[in-house]
Amino acid sequence: MQGRYVHQELVRFTHTDPAGYVFFPRFFEMFQAAVEDWFSNCLGIPYAQRILTTRTGFPTAHIECDFLRPCRLGDVIGFELVLEAVGRTSYRLRFDGRVDGELRLRATLVIVSIDMQQGRPQPFAPDLRERMEAYLRVCQEGNPE
């Protein structure tokens, strides 16, 4: 695992309001896409396969976001994913969204591992926990805040 994962997202017409600015709920869709790609591309666990084969879901239980500057049609937002904490059944993930190096937004999500049949929190699978803890160390050691 090399450094923090950065998900690149092109701001498309479908993301924007009539003024050409990203309509704020679209960021939440971008966060979900970033999480799915982080699982697959960084943690080495295909997100869709994990959900479909183990019937484990990963819903967002809490989200907060500070919009510092607008993002516009045509911008490429680099979402740096910073894992801040891993608990027994949930993790806290921060997104630092930058355009050309400028911080445009910062969001924090708490995501829970659930048994989809029961609809209740469940501990992380050992392989996922191991990879998340390795990524947590990367986030704590590299690129100090």
C-alpha atoms as a PDB file:
ATOM      1  CA  MET A   1       0.000   0.000   0.000  1.00  0.00           C
ATOM      2  CA  GLN A   2       1.603   3.228  -1.150  1.00  0.00           C
ATOM      3  CA  GLY A   3       0.398   6.477   0.355  1.00  0.00           C
ATOM      4  CA  ARG A   4      -3.097   7.806   0.725  1.00  0.00           C
ATOM      5  CA  TYR A   5      -5.651   6.940  -1.918  1.00  0.00           C
ATOM      6  CA  VAL A   6      -6.869   9.791  -4.144  1.00  0.00           C
ATOM      7  CA  HIS A   7     -10.046   9.318  -6.174  1.00  0.00           C
ATOM      8  CA  GLN A   8     -10.308  11.576  -9.241  1.00  0.00           C
ATOM      9  CA  GLU A   9     -13.771  12.806 -10.178  1.00  0.00           C
ATOM     10  CA  LEU A  10     -14.539  14.916 -13.256  1.00  0.00           C
ATOM     11  CA  VAL A  11     -17.380  17.358 -12.619  1.00  0.00           C
ATOM     12  CA  ARG A  12     -19.893  16.614 -15.339  1.00  0.00           C
ATOM     13  CA  PHE A  13     -22.930  18.519 -16.533  1.00  0.00           C
ATOM     14  CA  THR A  14     -25.180  16.090 -14.623  1.00  0.00           C
ATOM     15  CA  HIS A  15     -23.450  17.123 -11.366  1.00  0.00           C
ATOM     16  CA  THR A  16     -24.193  20.829 -11.731  1.00  0.00           C
ATOM     17  CA  ASP A  17     -26.965  23.340 -11.229  1.00  0.00           C
ATOM     18  CA  PRO A  18     -27.933  25.871 -13.938  1.00  0.00           C
ATOM     19  CA  ALA A  19     -25.066  28.160 -12.847  1.00  0.00           C
ATOM     20  CA  GLY A  20     -22.515  25.399 -13.483  1.00  0.00           C
ATOM     21  CA  TYR A  21     -21.701  24.754  -9.807  1.00  0.00           C
ATOM     22  CA  VAL A  22     -21.837  21.259  -8.309  1.00  0.00           C
ATOM     23  CA  PHE A  23     -25.253  20.780  -6.705  1.00  0.00           C
ATOM     24  CA  PHE A  24     -24.339  19.782  -3.143  1.00  0.00           C
ATOM     25  CA  PRO A  25     -26.148  16.377  -2.993  1.00  0.00           C
ATOM     26  CA  ARG A  26     -24.027  15.231  -5.942  1.00  0.00           C
ATOM     27  CA  PHE A  27     -20.964  15.359  -3.686  1.00  0.00           C
ATOM     28  CA  PHE A  28     -22.524  12.621  -1.559  1.00  0.00           C
ATOM     29  CA  GLU A  29     -22.791  10.436  -4.672  1.00  0.00           C
ATOM     30  CA  MET A  30     -19.139  11.204  -5.426  1.00  0.00           C
ATOM     31  CA  PHE A  31     -18.165  10.161  -1.886  1.00  0.00           C
ATOM     32  CA  GLN A  32     -19.886   6.810  -2.400  1.00  0.00           C
ATOM     33  CA  ALA A  33     -18.082   6.281  -5.704  1.00  0.00           C
ATOM     34  CA  ALA A  34     -14.785   7.119  -3.995  1.00  0.00           C
ATOM     35  CA  VAL A  35     -15.447   4.585  -1.202  1.00  0.00           C
ATOM     36  CA  GLU A  36     -16.290   1.857  -3.714  1.00  0.00           C
ATOM     37  CA  ASP A  37     -13.119   2.544  -5.718  1.00  0.00           C
ATOM     38  CA  TRP A  38     -11.035   2.746  -2.511  1.00  0.00           C
ATOM     39  CA  PHE A  39     -12.219  -0.739  -1.518  1.00  0.00           C
ATOM     40  CA  SER A  40     -11.435  -2.150  -4.965  1.00  0.00           C
ATOM     41  CA  ASN A  41      -8.317  -0.203  -5.995  1.00  0.00           C
ATOM     42  CA  CYS A  42      -6.591   0.402  -2.674  1.00  0.00           C
ATOM     43  CA  LEU A  43      -7.771  -2.252  -0.222  1.00  0.00           C
ATOM     44  CA  GLY A  44      -7.928  -4.938  -2.928  1.00  0.00           C
ATOM     45  CA  ILE A  45     -11.476  -5.980  -2.020  1.00  0.00           C
ATOM     46  CA  PRO A  46     -13.992  -5.578  -4.864  1.00  0.00           C
ATOM     47  CA  TYR A  47     -16.818  -3.605  -3.264  1.00  0.00           C
ATOM     48  CA  ALA A  48     -19.746  -5.036  -5.237  1.00  0.00           C
ATOM     49  CA  GLN A  49     -18.467  -8.580  -4.892  1.00  0.00           C
ATOM     50  CA  ARG A  50     -18.103  -8.173  -1.119  1.00  0.00           C
ATOM     51  CA  ILE A  51     -21.675  -6.972  -0.765  1.00  0.00           C
ATOM     52  CA  LEU A  52     -23.208  -9.556  -3.092  1.00  0.00           C
ATOM     53  CA  THR A  53     -21.281 -12.597  -1.830  1.00  0.00           C
ATOM     54  CA  THR A  54     -21.219 -11.909   1.915  1.00  0.00           C
ATOM     55  CA  ARG A  55     -24.493  -9.941   2.183  1.00  0.00           C
ATOM     56  CA  THR A  56     -22.582  -7.302   4.137  1.00  0.00           C
ATOM     57  CA  GLY A  57     -23.630  -3.693   3.633  1.00  0.00           C
ATOM     58  CA  PHE A  58     -21.717  -0.509   4.352  1.00  0.00           C
ATOM     59  CA  PRO A  59     -24.248   2.285   4.868  1.00  0.00           C
ATOM     60  CA  THR A  60     -23.265   5.776   5.926  1.00  0.00           C
ATOM     61  CA  ALA A  61     -24.435   6.449   9.483  1.00  0.00           C
ATOM     62  CA  HIS A  62     -23.173  10.025   9.791  1.00  0.00           C
ATOM     63  CA  ILE A  63     -21.883  12.629   7.364  1.00  0.00           C
ATOM     64  CA  GLU A  64     -20.745  16.214   7.681  1.00  0.00           C
ATOM     65  CA  CYS A  65     -19.252  18.426   5.045  1.00  0.00           C
ATOM     66  CA  ASP A  66     -17.724  21.881   4.848  1.00  0.00           C
ATOM     67  CA  PHE A  67     -17.894  23.455   1.409  1.00  0.00           C
ATOM     68  CA  LEU A  68     -14.975  25.913   1.316  1.00  0.00           C
ATOM     69  CA  ARG A  69     -15.059  26.981  -2.325  1.00  0.00           C
ATOM     70  CA  PRO A  70     -17.321  26.000  -5.202  1.00  0.00           C
ATOM     71  CA  CYS A  71     -16.528  23.293  -7.723  1.00  0.00           C
ATOM     72  CA  ARG A  72     -17.618  23.886 -11.278  1.00  0.00           C
ATOM     73  CA  LEU A  73     -18.381  22.045 -14.479  1.00  0.00           C
ATOM     74  CA  GLY A  74     -15.132  20.679 -15.943  1.00  0.00           C
ATOM     75  CA  ASP A  75     -13.159  20.705 -12.683  1.00  0.00           C
ATOM     76  CA  VAL A  76     -11.365  17.527 -11.693  1.00  0.00           C
ATOM     77  CA  ILE A  77     -11.735  16.987  -7.963  1.00  0.00           C
ATOM     78  CA  GLY A  78      -9.119  14.860  -6.247  1.00  0.00           C
ATOM     79  CA  PHE A  79     -10.723  13.281  -3.183  1.00  0.00           C
ATOM     80  CA  GLU A  80      -7.983  12.185  -0.799  1.00  0.00           C
ATOM     81  CA  LEU A  81      -9.357   9.483   1.499  1.00  0.00           C
ATOM     82  CA  VAL A  82      -7.979   9.672   5.025  1.00  0.00           C
ATOM     83  CA  LEU A  83      -8.985   6.858   7.345  1.00  0.00           C
ATOM     84  CA  GLU A  84      -9.189   8.431  10.802  1.00  0.00           C
ATOM     85  CA  ALA A  85     -10.449   5.525  12.935  1.00  0.00           C
ATOM     86  CA  VAL A  86     -11.472   1.881  12.703  1.00  0.00           C
ATOM     87  CA  GLY A  87     -13.801   0.487  15.351  1.00  0.00           C
ATOM     88  CA  ARG A  88     -15.361  -2.935  15.793  1.00  0.00           C
ATOM     89  CA  THR A  89     -18.256  -2.330  13.361  1.00  0.00           C
ATOM     90  CA  SER A  90     -17.624   1.135  11.892  1.00  0.00           C
ATOM     91  CA  TYR A  91     -14.935   3.390  10.517  1.00  0.00           C
ATOM     92  CA  ARG A  92     -14.492   7.147  10.131  1.00  0.00           C
ATOM     93  CA  LEU A  93     -13.251   8.361   6.755  1.00  0.00           C
ATOM     94  CA  ARG A  94     -12.338  11.943   5.836  1.00  0.00           C
ATOM     95  CA  PHE A  95     -12.419  13.295   2.304  1.00  0.00           C
ATOM     96  CA  ASP A  96     -10.238  16.248   1.378  1.00  0.00           C
ATOM     97  CA  GLY A  97     -11.507  17.463  -2.003  1.00  0.00           C
ATOM     98  CA  ARG A  98      -9.019  19.514  -4.002  1.00  0.00           C
ATOM     99  CA  VAL A  99      -9.014  21.115  -7.431  1.00  0.00           C
ATOM    100  CA  ASP A 100      -5.548  21.932  -8.736  1.00  0.00           C
ATOM    101  CA  GLY A 101      -4.206  21.535  -5.193  1.00  0.00           C
ATOM    102  CA  GLU A 102      -6.695  23.968  -3.643  1.00  0.00           C
ATOM    103  CA  LEU A 103      -8.850  22.546  -0.846  1.00  0.00           C
ATOM    104  CA  ARG A 104     -12.476  23.002  -1.923  1.00  0.00           C
ATOM    105  CA  LEU A 105     -14.314  20.797   0.579  1.00  0.00           C
ATOM    106  CA  ARG A 106     -13.756  18.539   3.542  1.00  0.00           C
ATOM    107  CA  ALA A 107     -16.180  15.822   4.586  1.00  0.00           C
ATOM    108  CA  THR A 108     -16.213  13.180   7.292  1.00  0.00           C
ATOM    109  CA  LEU A 109     -18.274  10.006   7.069  1.00  0.00           C
ATOM    110  CA  VAL A 110     -18.939   7.260   9.571  1.00  0.00           C
ATOM    111  CA  ILE A 111     -19.655   4.022   7.737  1.00  0.00           C
ATOM    112  CA  VAL A 112     -21.017   0.902   9.426  1.00  0.00           C
ATOM    113  CA  SER A 113     -20.612  -2.759   8.525  1.00  0.00           C
ATOM    114  CA  ILE A 114     -24.040  -4.410   8.674  1.00  0.00           C
ATOM    115  CA  ASP A 115     -25.503  -7.848   8.180  1.00  0.00           C
ATOM    116  CA  MET A 116     -27.936  -7.084   5.369  1.00  0.00           C
ATOM    117  CA  GLN A 117     -30.324  -9.850   6.332  1.00  0.00           C
ATOM    118  CA  GLN A 118     -30.612  -8.715   9.954  1.00  0.00           C
ATOM    119  CA  GLY A 119     -30.087  -5.011   9.264  1.00  0.00           C
ATOM    120  CA  ARG A 120     -27.772  -4.814  12.288  1.00  0.00           C
ATOM    121  CA  PRO A 121     -24.132  -3.836  12.761  1.00  0.00           C
ATOM    122  CA  GLN A 122     -21.620  -6.654  12.546  1.00  0.00           C
ATOM    123  CA  PRO A 123     -17.847  -6.813  13.111  1.00  0.00           C
ATOM    124  CA  PHE A 124     -15.606  -6.373  10.097  1.00  0.00           C
ATOM    125  CA  ALA A 125     -14.467  -9.528   8.340  1.00  0.00           C
ATOM    126  CA  PRO A 126     -10.855 -10.327   9.321  1.00  0.00           C
ATOM    127  CA  ASP A 127      -9.423  -9.666   5.831  1.00  0.00           C
ATOM    128  CA  LEU A 128     -11.150  -6.281   5.617  1.00  0.00           C
ATOM    129  CA  ARG A 129     -10.069  -5.303   9.134  1.00  0.00           C
ATOM    130  CA  GLU A 130      -6.457  -6.223   8.346  1.00  0.00           C
ATOM    131  CA  ARG A 131      -6.405  -4.103   5.187  1.00  0.00           C
ATOM    132  CA  MET A 132      -8.177  -1.173   6.837  1.00  0.00           C
ATOM    133  CA  GLU A 133      -5.728  -1.216   9.755  1.00  0.00           C
ATOM    134  CA  ALA A 134      -2.812  -1.227   7.291  1.00  0.00           C
ATOM    135  CA  TYR A 135      -4.346   1.771   5.497  1.00  0.00           C
ATOM    136  CA  LEU A 136      -4.960   3.495   8.846  1.00  0.00           C
ATOM    137  CA  ARG A 137      -1.211   3.228   9.564  1.00  0.00           C
ATOM    138  CA  VAL A 138      -0.469   4.768   6.153  1.00  0.00           C
ATOM    139  CA  CYS A 139      -2.798   7.665   6.986  1.00  0.00           C
ATOM    140  CA  GLN A 140      -1.282   8.174  10.434  1.00  0.00           C
ATOM    141  CA  GLU A 141       2.356   7.940   9.322  1.00  0.00           C
ATOM    142  CA  GLY A 142       2.327   9.615   5.947  1.00  0.00           C
ATOM    143  CA  ASN A 143       1.434  13.137   4.932  1.00  0.00           C
ATOM    144  CA  PRO A 144       1.050  14.774   8.367  1.00  0.00           C
ATOM    145  CA  GLU A 145      -1.819  17.241   8.667  1.00  0.00           C
END
